[in-house]
Amino acid sequence: MARRPLRIPLPFINQPLPLGNAIARVTSAVGIKPCGACKERAQALNQRVTFVPATPPPAPPK
């Protein structure tokens, strides 16, 4: 049975961001190219931890 990822609220994001994707973005930004093991690690981290907005985004005006 798959477990739900740990959800960590952050006030400065506006959509969910899995941890593996966050790390991949940072390492790519500093010039580190991902290898096969990096992609597997990112996928495993994505299943365990997700950053979510601290408050739901406001509804668009009608």
C-alpha atoms as a PDB file:
ATOM      1  CA  MET A   1       0.000   0.000   0.000  1.00  0.00           C
ATOM      2  CA  ALA A   2       1.433   3.370  -1.038  1.00  0.00           C
ATOM      3  CA  ARG A   3       1.720   6.003   1.643  1.00  0.00           C
ATOM      4  CA  ARG A   4       0.757   9.607   1.083  1.00  0.00           C
ATOM      5  CA  PRO A   5       3.747  11.964   0.982  1.00  0.00           C
ATOM      6  CA  LEU A   6       4.522  14.164   3.950  1.00  0.00           C
ATOM      7  CA  ARG A   7       3.065  17.580   3.138  1.00  0.00           C
ATOM      8  CA  ILE A   8       5.111  20.564   4.349  1.00  0.00           C
ATOM      9  CA  PRO A   9       3.387  23.967   4.071  1.00  0.00           C
ATOM     10  CA  LEU A  10       5.516  26.860   2.782  1.00  0.00           C
ATOM     11  CA  PRO A  11       4.156  30.425   2.605  1.00  0.00           C
ATOM     12  CA  PHE A  12       6.158  31.450  -0.485  1.00  0.00           C
ATOM     13  CA  ILE A  13       4.935  28.874  -3.018  1.00  0.00           C
ATOM     14  CA  ASN A  14       1.617  28.838  -4.856  1.00  0.00           C
ATOM     15  CA  GLN A  15       1.475  25.220  -6.073  1.00  0.00           C
ATOM     16  CA  PRO A  16       2.648  21.852  -4.729  1.00  0.00           C
ATOM     17  CA  LEU A  17       6.326  21.064  -5.302  1.00  0.00           C
ATOM     18  CA  PRO A  18       7.700  17.559  -4.627  1.00  0.00           C
ATOM     19  CA  LEU A  19      11.065  17.471  -2.841  1.00  0.00           C
ATOM     20  CA  GLY A  20      12.840  15.530  -5.596  1.00  0.00           C
ATOM     21  CA  ASN A  21      11.799  18.117  -8.183  1.00  0.00           C
ATOM     22  CA  ALA A  22      12.932  20.958  -5.909  1.00  0.00           C
ATOM     23  CA  ILE A  23      16.381  19.400  -5.490  1.00  0.00           C
ATOM     24  CA  ALA A  24      16.618  18.729  -9.242  1.00  0.00           C
ATOM     25  CA  ARG A  25      15.846  22.383  -9.991  1.00  0.00           C
ATOM     26  CA  VAL A  26      18.493  23.626  -7.578  1.00  0.00           C
ATOM     27  CA  THR A  27      21.203  21.264  -8.791  1.00  0.00           C
ATOM     28  CA  SER A  28      20.419  22.095 -12.437  1.00  0.00           C
ATOM     29  CA  ALA A  29      20.570  25.808 -11.640  1.00  0.00           C
ATOM     30  CA  VAL A  30      24.121  25.428 -10.285  1.00  0.00           C
ATOM     31  CA  GLY A  31      25.190  23.348 -13.293  1.00  0.00           C
ATOM     32  CA  ILE A  32      25.024  19.778 -11.998  1.00  0.00           C
ATOM     33  CA  LYS A  33      23.708  17.423 -14.681  1.00  0.00           C
ATOM     34  CA  PRO A  34      21.400  14.630 -13.467  1.00  0.00           C
ATOM     35  CA  CYS A  35      22.437  10.993 -13.879  1.00  0.00           C
ATOM     36  CA  GLY A  36      20.251   7.879 -13.769  1.00  0.00           C
ATOM     37  CA  ALA A  37      20.687   7.503 -10.017  1.00  0.00           C
ATOM     38  CA  CYS A  38      19.741  11.173  -9.523  1.00  0.00           C
ATOM     39  CA  LYS A  39      16.480  10.630 -11.384  1.00  0.00           C
ATOM     40  CA  GLU A  40      15.677   7.537  -9.299  1.00  0.00           C
ATOM     41  CA  ARG A  41      16.482   9.416  -6.102  1.00  0.00           C
ATOM     42  CA  ALA A  42      14.280  12.344  -7.157  1.00  0.00           C
ATOM     43  CA  GLN A  43      11.404   9.981  -7.893  1.00  0.00           C
ATOM     44  CA  ALA A  44      11.777   8.315  -4.477  1.00  0.00           C
ATOM     45  CA  LEU A  45      11.876  11.711  -2.713  1.00  0.00           C
ATOM     46  CA  ASN A  46       8.820  12.891  -4.665  1.00  0.00           C
ATOM     47  CA  GLN A  47       6.864   9.969  -3.229  1.00  0.00           C
ATOM     48  CA  ARG A  48       7.872  10.845   0.345  1.00  0.00           C
ATOM     49  CA  VAL A  49       7.811  14.668   0.698  1.00  0.00           C
ATOM     50  CA  THR A  50       5.842  17.446  -1.024  1.00  0.00           C
ATOM     51  CA  PHE A  51       5.928  21.170  -0.276  1.00  0.00           C
ATOM     52  CA  VAL A  52       2.454  22.727  -0.430  1.00  0.00           C
ATOM     53  CA  PRO A  53       1.195  26.326  -0.206  1.00  0.00           C
ATOM     54  CA  ALA A  54       0.645  27.422   3.386  1.00  0.00           C
ATOM     55  CA  THR A  55      -2.770  28.839   2.520  1.00  0.00           C
ATOM     56  CA  PRO A  56      -4.997  28.001  -0.408  1.00  0.00           C
ATOM     57  CA  PRO A  57      -4.684  30.490  -3.284  1.00  0.00           C
ATOM     58  CA  PRO A  58      -7.518  33.003  -3.475  1.00  0.00           C
ATOM     59  CA  ALA A  59     -10.377  32.238  -5.836  1.00  0.00           C
ATOM     60  CA  PRO A  60     -10.328  34.280  -9.045  1.00  0.00           C
ATOM     61  CA  PRO A  61     -12.826  37.141  -9.109  1.00  0.00           C
ATOM     62  CA  LYS A  62     -16.098  36.486 -10.942  1.00  0.00           C
END
